[in-house]
Amino acid sequence: MPLPAPAVPRRRIHTRRITLEGFLRDDGLYDLDASLTDTKDDDYPLASGLRPAGEPVHLLRIRVSFDAAFDIVDVAACSDAVPYPGQCDTIGPVYRKLIGLSLVRGFRRTVGEMFADVRGCTHLSELLLSLPTAAIQTAATFRRENEDGAEKPFQLDRCHALESSAEAVRLYYPKWYRPAGGGAPGGLISGR
């Protein structure tokens, strides 16, 4: 269902585009290329000079390479368009501190701690917050999401639709279904 029509007339003045692309590398690793672009629909006066309408105020990119365990093995970041040239665009190398971290265990919290305030770029750090789910989607490309493995599928109990007691789990992951109230695995009633 789409958003409702605006209640009053309006004019767009700002656009932010975030793009994330996942790649399988020939060496078996994965790359996530992420970019954030901010543009204005009107000329935008900045302390550093006028930014013409449609020209990016921000064009930031980050590439995170990771292995099958979702551990980060390499990082590259660059700032191609920034409001303060020669200043904003010098922070990219600090993001190499991400090497060795897991994308799926405490990543968002750690990013917040490592790059808060003046220790990072607000926009690059914000862009990083989308990477864990993009990494999972990238790696999931070649996996059956409901395979009958010994380990509980990663996505279960990580969103409301896939809570162990939800109908979607009962239908598509019956092995891992747990009725509300704590019934036995697979929806079986214990003691019968």
C-alpha atoms as a PDB file:
ATOM      1  CA  MET A   1       0.000   0.000   0.000  1.00  0.00           C
ATOM      2  CA  PRO A   2       1.495   3.378  -0.949  1.00  0.00           C
ATOM      3  CA  LEU A   3       1.709   6.397   1.331  1.00  0.00           C
ATOM      4  CA  PRO A   4      -1.439   8.502   1.375  1.00  0.00           C
ATOM      5  CA  ALA A   5      -1.549  11.552  -0.889  1.00  0.00           C
ATOM      6  CA  PRO A   6      -0.172  14.677   0.820  1.00  0.00           C
ATOM      7  CA  ALA A   7      -2.848  16.614   2.700  1.00  0.00           C
ATOM      8  CA  VAL A   8      -1.576  19.977   1.436  1.00  0.00           C
ATOM      9  CA  PRO A   9       0.370  21.078  -1.654  1.00  0.00           C
ATOM     10  CA  ARG A  10       4.151  20.792  -1.265  1.00  0.00           C
ATOM     11  CA  ARG A  11       7.425  21.267  -3.128  1.00  0.00           C
ATOM     12  CA  ARG A  12      10.402  18.936  -2.870  1.00  0.00           C
ATOM     13  CA  ILE A  13      13.549  20.716  -1.644  1.00  0.00           C
ATOM     14  CA  HIS A  14      15.938  17.887  -0.699  1.00  0.00           C
ATOM     15  CA  THR A  15      16.728  14.364  -1.877  1.00  0.00           C
ATOM     16  CA  ARG A  16      18.883  11.772  -0.149  1.00  0.00           C
ATOM     17  CA  ARG A  17      19.661   8.619  -2.083  1.00  0.00           C
ATOM     18  CA  ILE A  18      21.236   5.651  -0.358  1.00  0.00           C
ATOM     19  CA  THR A  19      22.396   2.767  -2.501  1.00  0.00           C
ATOM     20  CA  LEU A  20      23.808  -0.531  -1.315  1.00  0.00           C
ATOM     21  CA  GLU A  21      25.084  -3.162  -3.723  1.00  0.00           C
ATOM     22  CA  GLY A  22      26.357  -6.608  -2.781  1.00  0.00           C
ATOM     23  CA  PHE A  23      28.972  -8.471  -4.802  1.00  0.00           C
ATOM     24  CA  LEU A  24      30.436 -11.978  -4.741  1.00  0.00           C
ATOM     25  CA  ARG A  25      34.146 -11.730  -5.429  1.00  0.00           C
ATOM     26  CA  ASP A  26      36.114 -14.294  -7.427  1.00  0.00           C
ATOM     27  CA  ASP A  27      38.115 -15.124  -4.274  1.00  0.00           C
ATOM     28  CA  GLY A  28      34.923 -16.159  -2.411  1.00  0.00           C
ATOM     29  CA  LEU A  29      34.663 -13.009  -0.299  1.00  0.00           C
ATOM     30  CA  TYR A  30      31.851 -10.484  -0.527  1.00  0.00           C
ATOM     31  CA  ASP A  31      31.894  -6.714  -1.106  1.00  0.00           C
ATOM     32  CA  LEU A  32      29.232  -4.233  -0.102  1.00  0.00           C
ATOM     33  CA  ASP A  33      29.461  -0.923  -1.943  1.00  0.00           C
ATOM     34  CA  ALA A  34      27.364   1.746  -0.248  1.00  0.00           C
ATOM     35  CA  SER A  35      26.809   5.356  -1.266  1.00  0.00           C
ATOM     36  CA  LEU A  36      24.922   8.323   0.099  1.00  0.00           C
ATOM     37  CA  THR A  37      24.034  11.332  -2.083  1.00  0.00           C
ATOM     38  CA  ASP A  38      22.328  14.517  -0.909  1.00  0.00           C
ATOM     39  CA  THR A  39      21.068  17.065  -3.453  1.00  0.00           C
ATOM     40  CA  LYS A  40      18.989  20.208  -3.210  1.00  0.00           C
ATOM     41  CA  ASP A  41      16.310  21.328  -5.649  1.00  0.00           C
ATOM     42  CA  ASP A  42      17.303  24.968  -5.209  1.00  0.00           C
ATOM     43  CA  ASP A  43      20.713  26.606  -5.201  1.00  0.00           C
ATOM     44  CA  TYR A  44      22.160  26.030  -1.745  1.00  0.00           C
ATOM     45  CA  PRO A  45      24.346  28.679  -0.100  1.00  0.00           C
ATOM     46  CA  LEU A  46      27.038  27.085   2.069  1.00  0.00           C
ATOM     47  CA  ALA A  47      29.772  28.798   4.057  1.00  0.00           C
ATOM     48  CA  SER A  48      32.203  27.228   1.545  1.00  0.00           C
ATOM     49  CA  GLY A  49      30.309  28.612  -1.472  1.00  0.00           C
ATOM     50  CA  LEU A  50      27.110  28.208  -3.448  1.00  0.00           C
ATOM     51  CA  ARG A  51      26.121  24.656  -4.374  1.00  0.00           C
ATOM     52  CA  PRO A  52      23.978  24.774  -7.545  1.00  0.00           C
ATOM     53  CA  ALA A  53      20.643  22.950  -7.517  1.00  0.00           C
ATOM     54  CA  GLY A  54      21.057  19.272  -8.392  1.00  0.00           C
ATOM     55  CA  GLU A  55      24.798  19.184  -7.655  1.00  0.00           C
ATOM     56  CA  PRO A  56      25.574  16.850  -4.732  1.00  0.00           C
ATOM     57  CA  VAL A  57      26.171  18.421  -1.347  1.00  0.00           C
ATOM     58  CA  HIS A  58      27.266  14.968  -0.191  1.00  0.00           C
ATOM     59  CA  LEU A  59      28.494  12.068  -2.289  1.00  0.00           C
ATOM     60  CA  LEU A  60      30.027   9.567   0.092  1.00  0.00           C
ATOM     61  CA  ARG A  61      31.020   5.978  -0.608  1.00  0.00           C
ATOM     62  CA  ILE A  62      32.210   3.067   1.460  1.00  0.00           C
ATOM     63  CA  ARG A  63      33.202  -0.469   0.475  1.00  0.00           C
ATOM     64  CA  VAL A  64      33.252  -3.183   3.108  1.00  0.00           C
ATOM     65  CA  SER A  65      34.683  -6.592   2.218  1.00  0.00           C
ATOM     66  CA  PHE A  66      33.653  -9.532   4.387  1.00  0.00           C
ATOM     67  CA  ASP A  67      33.946 -13.309   4.582  1.00  0.00           C
ATOM     68  CA  ALA A  68      31.348 -16.074   4.931  1.00  0.00           C
ATOM     69  CA  ALA A  69      31.322 -15.575   8.720  1.00  0.00           C
ATOM     70  CA  PHE A  70      30.432 -11.868   8.177  1.00  0.00           C
ATOM     71  CA  ASP A  71      33.802 -10.715   9.515  1.00  0.00           C
ATOM     72  CA  ILE A  72      35.145  -7.545   7.891  1.00  0.00           C
ATOM     73  CA  VAL A  73      38.434  -8.094   6.051  1.00  0.00           C
ATOM     74  CA  ASP A  74      38.870  -4.744   4.276  1.00  0.00           C
ATOM     75  CA  VAL A  75      37.349  -1.246   4.138  1.00  0.00           C
ATOM     76  CA  ALA A  76      37.710   1.731   1.811  1.00  0.00           C
ATOM     77  CA  ALA A  77      35.835   5.028   2.229  1.00  0.00           C
ATOM     78  CA  CYS A  78      35.851   8.208   0.170  1.00  0.00           C
ATOM     79  CA  SER A  79      34.033  11.528   0.103  1.00  0.00           C
ATOM     80  CA  ASP A  80      33.642  12.741  -3.483  1.00  0.00           C
ATOM     81  CA  ALA A  81      31.360  15.699  -2.733  1.00  0.00           C
ATOM     82  CA  VAL A  82      31.286  17.428   0.655  1.00  0.00           C
ATOM     83  CA  PRO A  83      30.159  20.780   2.030  1.00  0.00           C
ATOM     84  CA  TYR A  84      33.673  21.614   3.289  1.00  0.00           C
ATOM     85  CA  PRO A  85      36.272  20.437   0.748  1.00  0.00           C
ATOM     86  CA  GLY A  86      39.680  19.713   2.226  1.00  0.00           C
ATOM     87  CA  GLN A  87      38.060  19.045   5.603  1.00  0.00           C
ATOM     88  CA  CYS A  88      35.172  16.557   5.369  1.00  0.00           C
ATOM     89  CA  ASP A  89      36.978  14.490   2.746  1.00  0.00           C
ATOM     90  CA  THR A  90      39.959  13.596   4.982  1.00  0.00           C
ATOM     91  CA  ILE A  91      38.165  11.179   7.341  1.00  0.00           C
ATOM     92  CA  GLY A  92      37.925   8.118   5.033  1.00  0.00           C
ATOM     93  CA  PRO A  93      41.009   6.252   6.328  1.00  0.00           C
ATOM     94  CA  VAL A  94      39.704   6.164   9.921  1.00  0.00           C
ATOM     95  CA  TYR A  95      37.026   3.711   8.799  1.00  0.00           C
ATOM     96  CA  ARG A  96      39.681   1.028   8.310  1.00  0.00           C
ATOM     97  CA  LYS A  97      39.260   0.510  12.068  1.00  0.00           C
ATOM     98  CA  LEU A  98      36.252  -1.620  11.101  1.00  0.00           C
ATOM     99  CA  ILE A  99      38.567  -4.402   9.882  1.00  0.00           C
ATOM    100  CA  GLY A 100      38.167  -7.428  12.140  1.00  0.00           C
ATOM    101  CA  LEU A 101      34.657  -6.552  13.325  1.00  0.00           C
ATOM    102  CA  SER A 102      31.613  -8.719  12.685  1.00  0.00           C
ATOM    103  CA  LEU A 103      28.803  -7.249  10.613  1.00  0.00           C
ATOM    104  CA  VAL A 104      26.230  -9.310  12.525  1.00  0.00           C
ATOM    105  CA  ARG A 105      27.368  -9.172  16.165  1.00  0.00           C
ATOM    106  CA  GLY A 106      27.129  -5.744  17.794  1.00  0.00           C
ATOM    107  CA  PHE A 107      28.138  -3.867  14.648  1.00  0.00           C
ATOM    108  CA  ARG A 108      25.731  -0.937  14.934  1.00  0.00           C
ATOM    109  CA  ARG A 109      26.541  -0.339  18.588  1.00  0.00           C
ATOM    110  CA  THR A 110      30.282  -0.516  17.898  1.00  0.00           C
ATOM    111  CA  VAL A 111      30.028   1.912  14.964  1.00  0.00           C
ATOM    112  CA  GLY A 112      28.221   4.352  17.249  1.00  0.00           C
ATOM    113  CA  GLU A 113      30.958   4.063  19.856  1.00  0.00           C
ATOM    114  CA  MET A 114      33.926   4.179  17.467  1.00  0.00           C
ATOM    115  CA  PHE A 115      32.856   7.055  15.224  1.00  0.00           C
ATOM    116  CA  ALA A 116      30.633   9.231  17.419  1.00  0.00           C
ATOM    117  CA  ASP A 117      30.891  12.993  17.263  1.00  0.00           C
ATOM    118  CA  VAL A 118      34.215  14.245  15.834  1.00  0.00           C
ATOM    119  CA  ARG A 119      35.754  10.753  15.557  1.00  0.00           C
ATOM    120  CA  GLY A 120      33.999  10.122  12.247  1.00  0.00           C
ATOM    121  CA  CYS A 121      31.730  11.523   9.562  1.00  0.00           C
ATOM    122  CA  THR A 122      28.076  11.631  10.592  1.00  0.00           C
ATOM    123  CA  HIS A 123      26.938  10.597   7.116  1.00  0.00           C
ATOM    124  CA  LEU A 124      29.450   7.765   6.556  1.00  0.00           C
ATOM    125  CA  SER A 125      28.667   6.391  10.015  1.00  0.00           C
ATOM    126  CA  GLU A 126      24.933   6.597   9.287  1.00  0.00           C
ATOM    127  CA  LEU A 127      25.488   4.773   5.994  1.00  0.00           C
ATOM    128  CA  LEU A 128      27.270   1.959   7.829  1.00  0.00           C
ATOM    129  CA  LEU A 129      24.153   1.214   9.888  1.00  0.00           C
ATOM    130  CA  SER A 130      22.451  -0.312   6.835  1.00  0.00           C
ATOM    131  CA  LEU A 131      25.274  -2.751   6.122  1.00  0.00           C
ATOM    132  CA  PRO A 132      24.396  -5.676   8.445  1.00  0.00           C
ATOM    133  CA  THR A 133      21.075  -6.496   6.762  1.00  0.00           C
ATOM    134  CA  ALA A 134      22.540  -5.819   3.310  1.00  0.00           C
ATOM    135  CA  ALA A 135      25.367  -8.257   4.102  1.00  0.00           C
ATOM    136  CA  ILE A 136      22.852 -10.913   5.150  1.00  0.00           C
ATOM    137  CA  GLN A 137      20.818 -10.375   1.976  1.00  0.00           C
ATOM    138  CA  THR A 138      23.983 -10.556  -0.138  1.00  0.00           C
ATOM    139  CA  ALA A 139      25.171 -13.828   1.415  1.00  0.00           C
ATOM    140  CA  ALA A 140      21.632 -15.262   1.388  1.00  0.00           C
ATOM    141  CA  THR A 141      21.528 -15.099  -2.409  1.00  0.00           C
ATOM    142  CA  PHE A 142      22.889 -18.638  -2.637  1.00  0.00           C
ATOM    143  CA  ARG A 143      21.244 -20.148   0.441  1.00  0.00           C
ATOM    144  CA  ARG A 144      17.791 -21.623   0.805  1.00  0.00           C
ATOM    145  CA  GLU A 145      16.231 -19.521   3.530  1.00  0.00           C
ATOM    146  CA  ASN A 146      14.271 -22.345   5.094  1.00  0.00           C
ATOM    147  CA  GLU A 147      16.716 -25.227   4.754  1.00  0.00           C
ATOM    148  CA  ASP A 148      16.281 -27.882   7.387  1.00  0.00           C
ATOM    149  CA  GLY A 149      19.601 -27.263   9.111  1.00  0.00           C
ATOM    150  CA  ALA A 150      20.635 -27.919  12.687  1.00  0.00           C
ATOM    151  CA  GLU A 151      20.970 -24.213  13.461  1.00  0.00           C
ATOM    152  CA  LYS A 152      18.030 -21.854  13.752  1.00  0.00           C
ATOM    153  CA  PRO A 153      17.874 -19.593  10.660  1.00  0.00           C
ATOM    154  CA  PHE A 154      19.525 -16.269  11.397  1.00  0.00           C
ATOM    155  CA  GLN A 155      16.493 -14.142  10.527  1.00  0.00           C
ATOM    156  CA  LEU A 156      14.153 -15.761  13.043  1.00  0.00           C
ATOM    157  CA  ASP A 157      13.337 -13.630  16.100  1.00  0.00           C
ATOM    158  CA  ARG A 158      14.920 -10.548  14.497  1.00  0.00           C
ATOM    159  CA  CYS A 159      11.701  -8.875  13.291  1.00  0.00           C
ATOM    160  CA  HIS A 160       8.023  -8.978  14.251  1.00  0.00           C
ATOM    161  CA  ALA A 161       6.956 -11.117  11.265  1.00  0.00           C
ATOM    162  CA  LEU A 162       9.543 -13.785  12.064  1.00  0.00           C
ATOM    163  CA  GLU A 163       9.075 -14.054  15.823  1.00  0.00           C
ATOM    164  CA  SER A 164       9.134 -17.757  16.752  1.00  0.00           C
ATOM    165  CA  SER A 165       5.430 -17.663  17.657  1.00  0.00           C
ATOM    166  CA  ALA A 166       4.346 -15.856  14.470  1.00  0.00           C
ATOM    167  CA  GLU A 167       2.192 -17.339  11.732  1.00  0.00           C
ATOM    168  CA  ALA A 168       4.964 -16.839   9.144  1.00  0.00           C
ATOM    169  CA  VAL A 169       7.271 -19.070  11.186  1.00  0.00           C
ATOM    170  CA  ARG A 170       4.545 -21.699  11.600  1.00  0.00           C
ATOM    171  CA  LEU A 171       3.973 -21.723   7.832  1.00  0.00           C
ATOM    172  CA  TYR A 172       7.520 -21.437   6.485  1.00  0.00           C
ATOM    173  CA  TYR A 173       9.796 -22.605   9.324  1.00  0.00           C
ATOM    174  CA  PRO A 174       7.670 -25.176  11.192  1.00  0.00           C
ATOM    175  CA  LYS A 175      10.711 -26.786  12.841  1.00  0.00           C
ATOM    176  CA  TRP A 176      11.388 -23.524  14.666  1.00  0.00           C
ATOM    177  CA  TYR A 177       7.803 -22.542  15.460  1.00  0.00           C
ATOM    178  CA  ARG A 178       7.027 -21.995  19.146  1.00  0.00           C
ATOM    179  CA  PRO A 179       3.397 -21.197  19.982  1.00  0.00           C
ATOM    180  CA  ALA A 180       2.822 -18.166  22.174  1.00  0.00           C
ATOM    181  CA  GLY A 181       2.871 -19.309  25.759  1.00  0.00           C
ATOM    182  CA  GLY A 182       5.848 -21.644  25.364  1.00  0.00           C
ATOM    183  CA  GLY A 183       4.614 -24.810  23.692  1.00  0.00           C
ATOM    184  CA  ALA A 184       6.924 -27.540  22.425  1.00  0.00           C
ATOM    185  CA  PRO A 185       9.031 -27.168  19.227  1.00  0.00           C
ATOM    186  CA  GLY A 186       7.266 -27.524  15.897  1.00  0.00           C
ATOM    187  CA  GLY A 187       3.886 -26.640  17.384  1.00  0.00           C
ATOM    188  CA  LEU A 188       3.562 -30.081  19.047  1.00  0.00           C
ATOM    189  CA  ILE A 189       1.841 -30.260  22.393  1.00  0.00           C
ATOM    190  CA  SER A 190       4.149 -31.902  24.890  1.00  0.00           C
ATOM    191  CA  GLY A 191       2.944 -34.726  27.123  1.00  0.00           C
ATOM    192  CA  ARG A 192       0.749 -36.482  24.553  1.00  0.00           C
END
